[in-house]
Amino acid sequence: MGGKTIVLFDLDGTLIDTAPDMYLALGILLNEESMPNVNYEDVRSQVSNGVLGIFSTAFTDDPGIENERYDRYLDIYEAVLGQKSKLFDNTVSLLDSLDDRGIDYGVVTNKSSRFTTPLLEEHELLERLKTLVCGDHVKKRKPDPEPLIKALEKIPSSYEYHNVYYVGDAEKDVAAAKAANIKSIACSYGYRDVNDKPSSWKAEYVINDLIQVNEIV
């Protein structure tokens, strides 16, 4: 079976370690509300669950009052975006290798384009991507397959589904890939609770270093 290959990547916890920025933003918010800071590892484990997951480490308030706090957190996060985030080990090496091999790649994330685009620019990744789909580009986010399907539809090239891979650090990434009928690669180094085991997600592959994608595709 031939055909061109493409590798799609999740963003947070897969290509870029964004947890330090998110933790920094939460610390600023907590300081504004005269509340004590929380443990970094607790916040890190919740990053894949979005802002409300992060808030669960610090707040026990009724979610009904979350809107103003939620918006304030996003404003703070936007202000500190890229200050402490960094590429995961071997991100550039892997992408360079994929380029050398003529393999396309893109990013599919639940993160809003408001944050995704400047973050990718900050780390000099945006212009390298063949396709990009953010959470505000679709009606349904992962674990729904819509973002992955849309990412492929945006590219003039056609790919046979057995040559499409999705790399992510959360169970919803694997679920989205399965629903889209493409191969899933689970990252064991990303953001998750200690009891959440990538080996239980039933991905086709599990890696502990991005460079291992080279051995799969």
Protein backbone atom coordinates (compact mmCIF):
# COMPACT_ATOMS: atom_id res chain seq x y z
CA MET A 1 0.00 0.00 0.00
CA GLY A 2 1.56 3.28 -1.14
CA GLY A 3 0.55 6.91 -0.98
CA LYS A 4 1.79 10.01 0.77
CA THR A 5 2.10 10.03 4.57
CA ILE A 6 1.09 12.78 7.01
CA VAL A 7 1.58 13.02 10.77
CA LEU A 8 -0.84 15.19 12.74
CA PHE A 9 0.15 16.34 16.21
CA ASP A 10 -1.70 17.56 19.26
CA LEU A 11 -0.08 20.73 20.64
CA ASP A 12 -0.09 21.05 24.44
CA GLY A 13 1.74 18.16 26.05
CA THR A 14 2.82 16.73 22.70
CA LEU A 15 4.89 19.28 20.76
CA ILE A 16 5.08 22.15 23.24
CA ASP A 17 5.30 22.06 27.02
CA THR A 18 2.81 24.83 27.78
CA ALA A 19 2.13 23.88 31.39
CA PRO A 20 4.64 26.40 32.83
CA ASP A 21 2.82 29.31 31.18
CA MET A 22 -0.55 28.02 32.35
CA TYR A 23 0.77 27.62 35.88
CA LEU A 24 2.22 31.13 35.78
CA ALA A 25 -1.14 32.54 34.68
CA LEU A 26 -2.96 30.69 37.45
CA GLY A 27 -0.50 32.02 40.02
CA ILE A 28 -1.16 35.59 38.90
CA LEU A 29 -4.92 35.02 39.09
CA LEU A 30 -4.68 33.49 42.55
CA ASN A 31 -2.58 36.42 43.72
CA GLU A 32 -5.21 38.82 42.42
CA GLU A 33 -7.81 36.95 44.43
CA SER A 34 -5.57 36.85 47.54
CA MET A 35 -5.43 33.06 47.44
CA PRO A 36 -2.40 30.81 48.00
CA ASN A 37 -0.68 29.26 45.00
CA VAL A 38 -1.05 25.54 44.27
CA ASN A 39 1.34 22.74 43.42
CA TYR A 40 2.79 22.85 39.90
CA GLU A 41 2.48 19.11 39.31
CA ASP A 42 -1.21 19.22 40.22
CA VAL A 43 -1.78 21.88 37.58
CA ARG A 44 0.39 20.10 35.01
CA SER A 45 -1.69 16.94 35.27
CA GLN A 46 -4.84 18.94 34.43
CA VAL A 47 -3.64 20.89 31.38
CA SER A 48 -5.22 18.46 28.92
CA ASN A 49 -8.57 19.10 30.66
CA GLY A 50 -8.50 22.79 29.80
CA VAL A 51 -9.05 25.81 32.00
CA LEU A 52 -11.72 24.21 34.15
CA GLY A 53 -9.39 21.28 34.79
CA ILE A 54 -6.70 23.72 35.87
CA PHE A 55 -9.23 25.58 38.03
CA SER A 56 -10.12 22.33 39.77
CA THR A 57 -6.70 22.43 41.44
CA ALA A 58 -7.40 25.77 43.10
CA PHE A 59 -11.11 26.60 43.26
CA THR A 60 -14.14 24.86 44.71
CA ASP A 61 -16.65 27.60 43.89
CA ASP A 62 -19.93 26.98 42.15
CA PRO A 63 -19.21 26.85 38.38
CA GLY A 64 -21.96 29.43 37.94
CA ILE A 65 -19.50 32.20 38.85
CA GLU A 66 -16.71 30.90 36.63
CA ASN A 67 -17.34 33.07 33.56
CA GLU A 68 -15.63 36.25 34.79
CA ARG A 69 -12.77 34.29 36.34
CA TYR A 70 -12.44 32.14 33.22
CA ASP A 71 -12.17 35.20 30.97
CA ARG A 72 -9.68 36.86 33.30
CA TYR A 73 -7.52 33.72 33.30
CA LEU A 74 -7.46 33.66 29.50
CA ASP A 75 -6.44 37.32 29.39
CA ILE A 76 -3.59 36.64 31.82
CA TYR A 77 -2.53 33.54 29.92
CA GLU A 78 -2.46 35.50 26.66
CA ALA A 79 -0.22 38.11 28.33
CA VAL A 80 2.32 35.52 29.52
CA LEU A 81 2.06 33.23 26.48
CA GLY A 82 5.44 31.84 25.51
CA GLN A 83 7.34 33.19 28.50
CA LYS A 84 8.07 29.80 30.01
CA SER A 85 6.78 27.27 27.46
CA LYS A 86 9.30 25.21 25.52
CA LEU A 87 9.42 22.58 22.83
CA PHE A 88 9.57 19.01 24.06
CA ASP A 89 12.83 17.17 23.51
CA ASN A 90 13.53 16.23 19.89
CA THR A 91 10.62 18.21 18.43
CA VAL A 92 12.83 20.04 15.94
CA SER A 93 14.90 16.92 15.21
CA LEU A 94 11.76 14.96 14.40
CA LEU A 95 10.27 17.65 12.17
CA ASP A 96 13.58 18.06 10.35
CA SER A 97 13.66 14.33 9.77
CA LEU A 98 10.08 14.29 8.48
CA ASP A 99 10.97 17.13 6.10
CA ASP A 100 13.98 15.19 4.84
CA ARG A 101 11.79 12.16 4.21
CA GLY A 102 9.08 14.13 2.42
CA ILE A 103 6.48 13.40 5.11
CA ASP A 104 3.87 16.10 5.72
CA TYR A 105 2.74 17.17 9.19
CA GLY A 106 0.28 19.46 10.89
CA VAL A 107 -1.31 20.35 14.22
CA VAL A 108 -4.81 19.55 15.46
CA THR A 109 -5.58 21.04 18.86
CA ASN A 110 -8.56 21.93 21.03
CA LYS A 111 -6.74 25.14 21.94
CA SER A 112 -8.21 28.34 20.52
CA SER A 113 -6.42 29.99 17.59
CA ARG A 114 -6.10 33.08 19.81
CA PHE A 115 -3.34 31.24 21.67
CA THR A 116 -2.26 28.57 19.18
CA THR A 117 -1.11 30.84 16.37
CA PRO A 118 1.18 33.10 18.44
CA LEU A 119 2.53 30.09 20.32
CA LEU A 120 3.44 28.31 17.09
CA GLU A 121 5.01 31.52 15.78
CA GLU A 122 6.99 31.95 18.99
CA HIS A 123 8.51 28.51 18.53
CA GLU A 124 8.98 28.90 14.76
CA LEU A 125 6.60 26.07 13.89
CA LEU A 126 3.69 27.81 12.16
CA GLU A 127 5.24 28.12 8.70
CA ARG A 128 6.36 24.50 8.79
CA LEU A 129 2.85 23.07 9.06
CA LYS A 130 0.91 21.62 6.16
CA THR A 131 -2.37 22.04 8.03
CA LEU A 132 -3.66 23.51 11.29
CA VAL A 133 -7.02 23.10 13.01
CA CYS A 134 -7.79 24.79 16.34
CA GLY A 135 -10.70 24.35 18.71
CA ASP A 136 -12.55 27.41 17.40
CA HIS A 137 -12.32 26.14 13.80
CA VAL A 138 -14.81 23.32 14.39
CA LYS A 139 -18.24 22.72 15.86
CA LYS A 140 -17.10 19.69 17.85
CA ARG A 141 -13.72 19.32 19.51
CA LYS A 142 -11.77 16.18 20.29
CA PRO A 143 -12.63 13.42 21.15
CA ASP A 144 -14.94 14.03 18.21
CA PRO A 145 -13.18 13.21 14.91
CA GLU A 146 -14.28 16.47 13.22
CA PRO A 147 -10.98 18.35 13.84
CA LEU A 148 -8.87 15.56 12.34
CA ILE A 149 -11.14 15.16 9.33
CA LYS A 150 -11.12 18.93 8.77
CA ALA A 151 -7.31 19.02 8.96
CA LEU A 152 -7.07 16.54 6.10
CA GLU A 153 -9.77 18.28 4.07
CA LYS A 154 -7.79 21.55 4.18
CA ILE A 155 -4.88 20.03 2.23
CA PRO A 156 -4.89 19.75 -1.57
CA SER A 157 -2.97 16.47 -1.33
CA SER A 158 -4.91 13.30 -0.71
CA TYR A 159 -3.84 10.75 1.87
CA GLU A 160 -4.97 7.19 2.27
CA TYR A 161 -6.11 6.75 5.84
CA HIS A 162 -3.60 3.99 6.54
CA ASN A 163 -0.91 6.65 5.94
CA VAL A 164 -2.32 9.16 8.42
CA TYR A 165 -1.14 9.24 12.05
CA TYR A 166 -2.23 11.32 15.01
CA VAL A 167 0.16 11.90 17.92
CA GLY A 168 -1.27 13.03 21.26
CA ASP A 169 -0.82 12.84 25.02
CA ALA A 170 -4.46 12.35 26.08
CA GLU A 171 -7.01 9.58 25.78
CA LYS A 172 -9.31 11.93 23.85
CA ASP A 173 -6.60 12.18 21.17
CA VAL A 174 -6.61 8.42 20.70
CA ALA A 175 -10.41 8.36 20.72
CA ALA A 176 -10.55 11.07 18.03
CA ALA A 177 -8.07 9.20 15.86
CA LYS A 178 -10.01 5.96 16.16
CA ALA A 179 -13.26 7.72 15.32
CA ALA A 180 -11.60 9.25 12.25
CA ASN A 181 -10.26 5.82 11.27
CA ILE A 182 -6.61 6.90 11.42
CA LYS A 183 -3.67 5.48 13.36
CA SER A 184 -2.99 6.81 16.85
CA ILE A 185 0.34 7.34 18.61
CA ALA A 186 0.05 8.01 22.36
CA CYS A 187 2.74 10.00 24.19
CA SER A 188 3.61 8.82 27.68
CA TYR A 189 5.45 12.06 28.57
CA GLY A 190 2.47 14.45 28.39
CA TYR A 191 -0.11 15.78 30.83
CA ARG A 192 -2.21 13.34 32.79
CA ASP A 193 -3.07 12.07 36.24
CA VAL A 194 -0.73 9.43 37.65
CA ASN A 195 -3.55 6.89 37.43
CA ASP A 196 -4.17 7.59 33.75
CA LYS A 197 -2.04 5.09 31.81
CA PRO A 198 -1.46 5.59 28.06
CA SER A 199 -1.16 1.81 27.70
CA SER A 200 -4.87 1.57 28.55
CA TRP A 201 -5.99 3.90 25.75
CA LYS A 202 -5.68 1.20 23.07
CA ALA A 203 -3.56 3.32 20.76
CA GLU A 204 -1.73 1.56 17.95
CA TYR A 205 1.57 2.85 19.33
CA VAL A 206 2.90 4.34 22.59
CA ILE A 207 6.07 6.45 22.66
CA ASN A 208 8.07 8.12 25.43
CA ASP A 209 10.07 10.41 23.11
CA LEU A 210 8.90 12.24 19.98
CA ILE A 211 11.85 11.00 17.94
CA GLN A 212 10.26 7.52 18.09
CA VAL A 213 7.66 8.70 15.60
CA ASN A 214 10.41 8.16 13.02
CA GLU A 215 10.38 4.45 13.77
CA ILE A 216 6.62 4.24 13.17
CA VAL A 217 5.85 6.31 10.07
